Amino acid sequence: MSAADARTRLLAPGTVRGLALLLCATGIVGMIVTSIADRVDAAIAFGFLGATGALALLLVGVLVPAVEAASAWDEEQAAAVEDAIRRLVAAGADEDDIRATVRAAIRLGRRSAGD
């Protein structure tokens, strides 16, 4: 993770996971204690608390890898594109036209991917 990414995040995924685990544990303990005390309404409330923690764990587990994969910069692919541009320019093509075509292809790819 770059320094810029670290500054723009509100909470790190590890922090969210820790809070979600705390919610799960609190929900489980609360359900046990309130069930022993014969407080069904409180046991249900603690059950919802535990379910919220489980949902947060699920979402972090699914979304964080997907977002990191989507935002990863592929250095090898960028170098291959730059090398191809250099070869085309060396063969006599206009560099500005090639770069404009690459930018248009990137915009087209983003639109078709839903970004």
N, C-alpha and C. Protein backbone atom coordinates (compact mmCIF):
# COMPACT_ATOMS: atom_id res chain seq x y z
N MET A 1 0.85 -1.17 0.00
CA MET A 1 0.00 0.00 0.00
C MET A 1 0.89 1.23 0.00
N SER A 2 0.55 2.18 -0.85
CA SER A 2 1.36 3.39 -0.93
C SER A 2 0.99 4.35 0.20
N ALA A 3 1.82 5.36 0.38
CA ALA A 3 1.56 6.34 1.44
C ALA A 3 0.28 7.12 1.16
N ALA A 4 0.01 7.39 -0.12
CA ALA A 4 -1.22 8.11 -0.47
C ALA A 4 -2.45 7.28 -0.14
N ASP A 5 -2.39 5.97 -0.41
CA ASP A 5 -3.52 5.09 -0.07
C ASP A 5 -3.74 5.05 1.43
N ALA A 6 -2.67 5.03 2.19
CA ALA A 6 -2.78 4.97 3.64
C ALA A 6 -3.42 6.23 4.19
N ARG A 7 -3.13 7.38 3.58
CA ARG A 7 -3.71 8.63 4.07
C ARG A 7 -5.19 8.75 3.72
N THR A 8 -5.64 8.15 2.62
CA THR A 8 -7.02 8.31 2.20
C THR A 8 -7.97 7.31 2.83
N ARG A 9 -7.47 6.28 3.45
CA ARG A 9 -8.34 5.29 4.09
C ARG A 9 -8.85 5.82 5.42
N LEU A 10 -10.13 5.59 5.68
CA LEU A 10 -10.69 5.97 6.97
C LEU A 10 -10.25 4.98 8.05
N LEU A 11 -10.39 3.72 7.74
CA LEU A 11 -9.98 2.65 8.65
C LEU A 11 -9.30 1.56 7.85
N ALA A 12 -8.27 1.02 8.41
CA ALA A 12 -7.58 -0.09 7.75
C ALA A 12 -8.46 -1.34 7.84
N PRO A 13 -8.36 -2.23 6.86
CA PRO A 13 -9.18 -3.45 6.91
C PRO A 13 -8.94 -4.27 8.17
N GLY A 14 -7.72 -4.28 8.68
CA GLY A 14 -7.46 -5.01 9.91
C GLY A 14 -8.22 -4.44 11.11
N THR A 15 -8.36 -3.14 11.15
CA THR A 15 -9.12 -2.49 12.22
C THR A 15 -10.59 -2.86 12.13
N VAL A 16 -11.13 -2.85 10.92
CA VAL A 16 -12.53 -3.21 10.73
C VAL A 16 -12.75 -4.67 11.10
N ARG A 17 -11.80 -5.54 10.73
CA ARG A 17 -11.92 -6.96 11.10
C ARG A 17 -11.90 -7.12 12.62
N GLY A 18 -11.02 -6.39 13.29
CA GLY A 18 -10.95 -6.48 14.75
C GLY A 18 -12.24 -6.03 15.41
N LEU A 19 -12.80 -4.91 14.91
CA LEU A 19 -14.07 -4.44 15.47
C LEU A 19 -15.21 -5.41 15.19
N ALA A 20 -15.20 -6.02 14.01
CA ALA A 20 -16.24 -6.99 13.68
C ALA A 20 -16.14 -8.23 14.57
N LEU A 21 -14.91 -8.68 14.82
CA LEU A 21 -14.74 -9.82 15.73
C LEU A 21 -15.19 -9.48 17.13
N LEU A 22 -14.94 -8.24 17.56
CA LEU A 22 -15.40 -7.80 18.87
C LEU A 22 -16.93 -7.81 18.94
N LEU A 23 -17.58 -7.35 17.86
CA LEU A 23 -19.04 -7.39 17.82
C LEU A 23 -19.55 -8.83 17.89
N CYS A 24 -18.91 -9.73 17.17
CA CYS A 24 -19.33 -11.14 17.20
C CYS A 24 -19.18 -11.73 18.60
N ALA A 25 -18.03 -11.50 19.20
CA ALA A 25 -17.79 -12.06 20.54
C ALA A 25 -18.76 -11.47 21.56
N THR A 26 -18.98 -10.15 21.48
CA THR A 26 -19.92 -9.51 22.40
C THR A 26 -21.32 -10.06 22.20
N GLY A 27 -21.71 -10.26 20.95
CA GLY A 27 -23.04 -10.82 20.68
C GLY A 27 -23.20 -12.21 21.25
N ILE A 28 -22.18 -13.04 21.10
CA ILE A 28 -22.27 -14.42 21.61
C ILE A 28 -22.35 -14.43 23.14
N VAL A 29 -21.45 -13.69 23.76
CA VAL A 29 -21.46 -13.64 25.24
C VAL A 29 -22.77 -13.05 25.74
N GLY A 30 -23.21 -11.98 25.09
CA GLY A 30 -24.47 -11.35 25.50
C GLY A 30 -25.66 -12.28 25.35
N MET A 31 -25.68 -13.07 24.27
CA MET A 31 -26.79 -14.02 24.09
C MET A 31 -26.79 -15.08 25.19
N ILE A 32 -25.60 -15.55 25.55
CA ILE A 32 -25.52 -16.58 26.59
C ILE A 32 -25.98 -16.03 27.93
N VAL A 33 -25.46 -14.85 28.29
CA VAL A 33 -25.79 -14.27 29.61
C VAL A 33 -27.27 -13.92 29.69
N THR A 34 -27.81 -13.29 28.65
CA THR A 34 -29.21 -12.89 28.71
C THR A 34 -30.16 -14.08 28.60
N SER A 35 -29.71 -15.16 27.96
CA SER A 35 -30.54 -16.37 27.93
C SER A 35 -30.60 -17.00 29.31
N ILE A 36 -29.47 -17.01 30.01
CA ILE A 36 -29.46 -17.55 31.38
C ILE A 36 -30.34 -16.71 32.29
N ALA A 37 -30.31 -15.37 32.05
CA ALA A 37 -31.13 -14.46 32.87
C ALA A 37 -32.58 -14.45 32.43
N ASP A 38 -32.94 -15.29 31.44
CA ASP A 38 -34.30 -15.40 30.92
C ASP A 38 -34.81 -14.07 30.36
N ARG A 39 -33.95 -13.37 29.63
CA ARG A 39 -34.31 -12.11 28.95
C ARG A 39 -34.23 -12.35 27.44
N VAL A 40 -35.31 -12.85 26.90
CA VAL A 40 -35.34 -13.24 25.49
C VAL A 40 -35.15 -12.03 24.58
N ASP A 41 -35.76 -10.90 24.94
CA ASP A 41 -35.64 -9.71 24.10
C ASP A 41 -34.19 -9.22 24.03
N ALA A 42 -33.49 -9.26 25.13
CA ALA A 42 -32.08 -8.86 25.13
C ALA A 42 -31.22 -9.87 24.37
N ALA A 43 -31.56 -11.15 24.48
CA ALA A 43 -30.80 -12.17 23.75
C ALA A 43 -30.94 -11.96 22.24
N ILE A 44 -32.14 -11.59 21.80
CA ILE A 44 -32.35 -11.30 20.38
C ILE A 44 -31.55 -10.09 19.96
N ALA A 45 -31.50 -9.07 20.80
CA ALA A 45 -30.73 -7.86 20.48
C ALA A 45 -29.24 -8.20 20.36
N PHE A 46 -28.72 -9.00 21.27
CA PHE A 46 -27.32 -9.41 21.17
C PHE A 46 -27.08 -10.31 19.96
N GLY A 47 -28.09 -11.08 19.59
CA GLY A 47 -27.98 -11.89 18.37
C GLY A 47 -27.83 -11.01 17.13
N PHE A 48 -28.60 -9.93 17.09
CA PHE A 48 -28.45 -8.98 15.98
C PHE A 48 -27.08 -8.32 15.98
N LEU A 49 -26.56 -8.05 17.16
CA LEU A 49 -25.23 -7.46 17.27
C LEU A 49 -24.17 -8.42 16.71
N GLY A 50 -24.28 -9.69 17.08
CA GLY A 50 -23.34 -10.68 16.55
C GLY A 50 -23.49 -10.87 15.05
N ALA A 51 -24.73 -10.83 14.55
CA ALA A 51 -24.96 -10.97 13.11
C ALA A 51 -24.37 -9.78 12.35
N THR A 52 -24.43 -8.59 12.94
CA THR A 52 -23.83 -7.40 12.32
C THR A 52 -22.33 -7.57 12.21
N GLY A 53 -21.71 -8.09 13.25
CA GLY A 53 -20.27 -8.34 13.21
C GLY A 53 -19.91 -9.37 12.16
N ALA A 54 -20.71 -10.42 12.06
CA ALA A 54 -20.45 -11.46 11.05
C ALA A 54 -20.60 -10.89 9.64
N LEU A 55 -21.60 -10.05 9.43
CA LEU A 55 -21.80 -9.43 8.13
C LEU A 55 -20.63 -8.51 7.77
N ALA A 56 -20.15 -7.77 8.77
CA ALA A 56 -19.00 -6.89 8.52
C ALA A 56 -17.76 -7.71 8.16
N LEU A 57 -17.54 -8.82 8.83
CA LEU A 57 -16.41 -9.70 8.48
C LEU A 57 -16.54 -10.22 7.06
N LEU A 58 -17.74 -10.61 6.69
CA LEU A 58 -17.98 -11.12 5.35
C LEU A 58 -17.70 -10.05 4.30
N LEU A 59 -18.22 -8.86 4.53
CA LEU A 59 -18.03 -7.78 3.56
C LEU A 59 -16.57 -7.38 3.41
N VAL A 60 -15.85 -7.29 4.52
CA VAL A 60 -14.43 -6.94 4.44
C VAL A 60 -13.66 -8.04 3.72
N GLY A 61 -14.00 -9.27 4.01
CA GLY A 61 -13.31 -10.39 3.36
C GLY A 61 -13.53 -10.46 1.87
N VAL A 62 -14.70 -10.01 1.41
CA VAL A 62 -15.00 -10.05 -0.02
C VAL A 62 -14.55 -8.78 -0.72
N LEU A 63 -14.80 -7.63 -0.12
CA LEU A 63 -14.57 -6.36 -0.82
C LEU A 63 -13.12 -5.92 -0.85
N VAL A 64 -12.37 -6.13 0.22
CA VAL A 64 -10.99 -5.64 0.26
C VAL A 64 -10.13 -6.28 -0.83
N PRO A 65 -10.13 -7.61 -0.99
CA PRO A 65 -9.33 -8.17 -2.08
C PRO A 65 -9.80 -7.71 -3.47
N ALA A 66 -11.11 -7.55 -3.64
CA ALA A 66 -11.62 -7.12 -4.94
C ALA A 66 -11.18 -5.70 -5.26
N VAL A 67 -11.23 -4.81 -4.28
CA VAL A 67 -10.83 -3.42 -4.50
C VAL A 67 -9.33 -3.34 -4.73
N GLU A 68 -8.54 -4.07 -3.96
CA GLU A 68 -7.10 -4.03 -4.14
C GLU A 68 -6.69 -4.60 -5.50
N ALA A 69 -7.37 -5.63 -5.97
CA ALA A 69 -7.05 -6.19 -7.29
C ALA A 69 -7.43 -5.22 -8.39
N ALA A 70 -8.54 -4.52 -8.22
CA ALA A 70 -8.99 -3.58 -9.25
C ALA A 70 -8.10 -2.35 -9.31
N SER A 71 -7.51 -1.97 -8.19
CA SER A 71 -6.71 -0.75 -8.17
C SER A 71 -5.21 -1.02 -8.33
N ALA A 72 -4.84 -2.28 -8.51
CA ALA A 72 -3.42 -2.61 -8.64
C ALA A 72 -2.89 -2.14 -9.99
N TRP A 73 -1.72 -1.57 -9.98
CA TRP A 73 -1.07 -1.09 -11.19
C TRP A 73 -0.14 -2.18 -11.66
N ASP A 74 -0.34 -2.64 -12.88
CA ASP A 74 0.45 -3.72 -13.43
C ASP A 74 1.66 -3.13 -14.15
N GLU A 75 2.81 -3.14 -13.48
CA GLU A 75 4.03 -2.55 -14.04
C GLU A 75 4.49 -3.26 -15.30
N GLU A 76 4.36 -4.57 -15.33
CA GLU A 76 4.80 -5.33 -16.50
C GLU A 76 3.97 -4.98 -17.73
N GLN A 77 2.66 -4.87 -17.54
CA GLN A 77 1.80 -4.54 -18.67
C GLN A 77 2.05 -3.10 -19.13
N ALA A 78 2.26 -2.18 -18.19
CA ALA A 78 2.55 -0.80 -18.56
C ALA A 78 3.87 -0.71 -19.33
N ALA A 79 4.87 -1.48 -18.91
CA ALA A 79 6.15 -1.49 -19.62
C ALA A 79 5.99 -2.09 -21.02
N ALA A 80 5.16 -3.10 -21.15
CA ALA A 80 4.94 -3.72 -22.46
C ALA A 80 4.25 -2.74 -23.42
N VAL A 81 3.28 -1.98 -22.91
CA VAL A 81 2.60 -0.99 -23.76
C VAL A 81 3.57 0.10 -24.17
N GLU A 82 4.37 0.57 -23.23
CA GLU A 82 5.35 1.63 -23.55
C GLU A 82 6.37 1.13 -24.57
N ASP A 83 6.79 -0.12 -24.44
CA ASP A 83 7.72 -0.70 -25.40
C ASP A 83 7.09 -0.80 -26.79
N ALA A 84 5.83 -1.18 -26.84
CA ALA A 84 5.13 -1.26 -28.13
C ALA A 84 5.01 0.11 -28.77
N ILE A 85 4.76 1.14 -27.97
CA ILE A 85 4.68 2.51 -28.50
C ILE A 85 6.04 2.92 -29.07
N ARG A 86 7.11 2.60 -28.35
CA ARG A 86 8.46 2.94 -28.84
C ARG A 86 8.77 2.25 -30.18
N ARG A 87 8.37 0.98 -30.28
CA ARG A 87 8.61 0.26 -31.54
C ARG A 87 7.82 0.85 -32.70
N LEU A 88 6.58 1.24 -32.43
CA LEU A 88 5.77 1.85 -33.50
C LEU A 88 6.33 3.20 -33.93
N VAL A 89 6.81 3.98 -32.96
CA VAL A 89 7.41 5.28 -33.28
C VAL A 89 8.69 5.06 -34.08
N ALA A 90 9.47 4.05 -33.69
CA ALA A 90 10.72 3.76 -34.42
C ALA A 90 10.43 3.30 -35.85
N ALA A 91 9.25 2.70 -36.05
CA ALA A 91 8.88 2.25 -37.38
C ALA A 91 8.29 3.38 -38.23
N GLY A 92 8.13 4.57 -37.63
CA GLY A 92 7.69 5.72 -38.40
C GLY A 92 6.31 6.25 -38.07
N ALA A 93 5.64 5.69 -37.07
CA ALA A 93 4.30 6.18 -36.71
C ALA A 93 4.42 7.46 -35.87
N ASP A 94 3.37 8.27 -35.91
CA ASP A 94 3.34 9.51 -35.13
C ASP A 94 3.03 9.19 -33.66
N GLU A 95 3.92 9.61 -32.76
CA GLU A 95 3.78 9.28 -31.35
C GLU A 95 2.51 9.87 -30.74
N ASP A 96 2.17 11.10 -31.11
CA ASP A 96 0.97 11.73 -30.56
C ASP A 96 -0.29 10.96 -30.95
N ASP A 97 -0.35 10.49 -32.21
CA ASP A 97 -1.50 9.70 -32.65
C ASP A 97 -1.60 8.37 -31.90
N ILE A 98 -0.47 7.75 -31.68
CA ILE A 98 -0.47 6.46 -30.96
C ILE A 98 -0.94 6.66 -29.53
N ARG A 99 -0.40 7.68 -28.85
CA ARG A 99 -0.79 7.93 -27.45
C ARG A 99 -2.27 8.31 -27.36
N ALA A 100 -2.78 9.07 -28.34
CA ALA A 100 -4.21 9.41 -28.35
C ALA A 100 -5.05 8.15 -28.52
N THR A 101 -4.59 7.24 -29.34
CA THR A 101 -5.31 5.97 -29.55
C THR A 101 -5.30 5.12 -28.28
N VAL A 102 -4.16 5.10 -27.58
CA VAL A 102 -4.08 4.35 -26.33
C VAL A 102 -5.02 4.95 -25.29
N ARG A 103 -5.05 6.29 -25.18
CA ARG A 103 -5.96 6.94 -24.23
C ARG A 103 -7.42 6.62 -24.57
N ALA A 104 -7.76 6.64 -25.86
CA ALA A 104 -9.13 6.32 -26.27
C ALA A 104 -9.46 4.86 -25.92
N ALA A 105 -8.51 3.97 -26.10
CA ALA A 105 -8.74 2.56 -25.76
C ALA A 105 -8.94 2.38 -24.26
N ILE A 106 -8.19 3.13 -23.46
CA ILE A 106 -8.35 3.06 -22.02
C ILE A 106 -9.74 3.55 -21.62
N ARG A 107 -10.17 4.68 -22.18
CA ARG A 107 -11.52 5.21 -21.86
C ARG A 107 -12.60 4.20 -22.27
N LEU A 108 -12.44 3.59 -23.45
CA LEU A 108 -13.41 2.60 -23.91
C LEU A 108 -13.45 1.40 -22.96
N GLY A 109 -12.28 0.94 -22.53
CA GLY A 109 -12.22 -0.19 -21.61
C GLY A 109 -12.84 0.12 -20.27
N ARG A 110 -12.64 1.34 -19.77
CA ARG A 110 -13.25 1.72 -18.49
C ARG A 110 -14.75 1.78 -18.60
N ARG A 111 -15.25 2.32 -19.71
CA ARG A 111 -16.71 2.41 -19.88
C ARG A 111 -17.33 1.03 -20.00
N SER A 112 -16.68 0.15 -20.73
CA SER A 112 -17.25 -1.18 -20.92
C SER A 112 -17.14 -2.04 -19.66
N ALA A 113 -16.17 -1.71 -18.77
CA ALA A 113 -16.02 -2.46 -17.51
C ALA A 113 -16.92 -1.91 -16.42
N GLY A 114 -17.52 -0.74 -16.63
CA GLY A 114 -18.40 -0.16 -15.63
C GLY A 114 -17.70 0.71 -14.63
N ASP A 115 -16.45 1.12 -14.87
CA ASP A 115 -15.72 1.97 -13.93
C ASP A 115 -16.18 3.40 -13.98
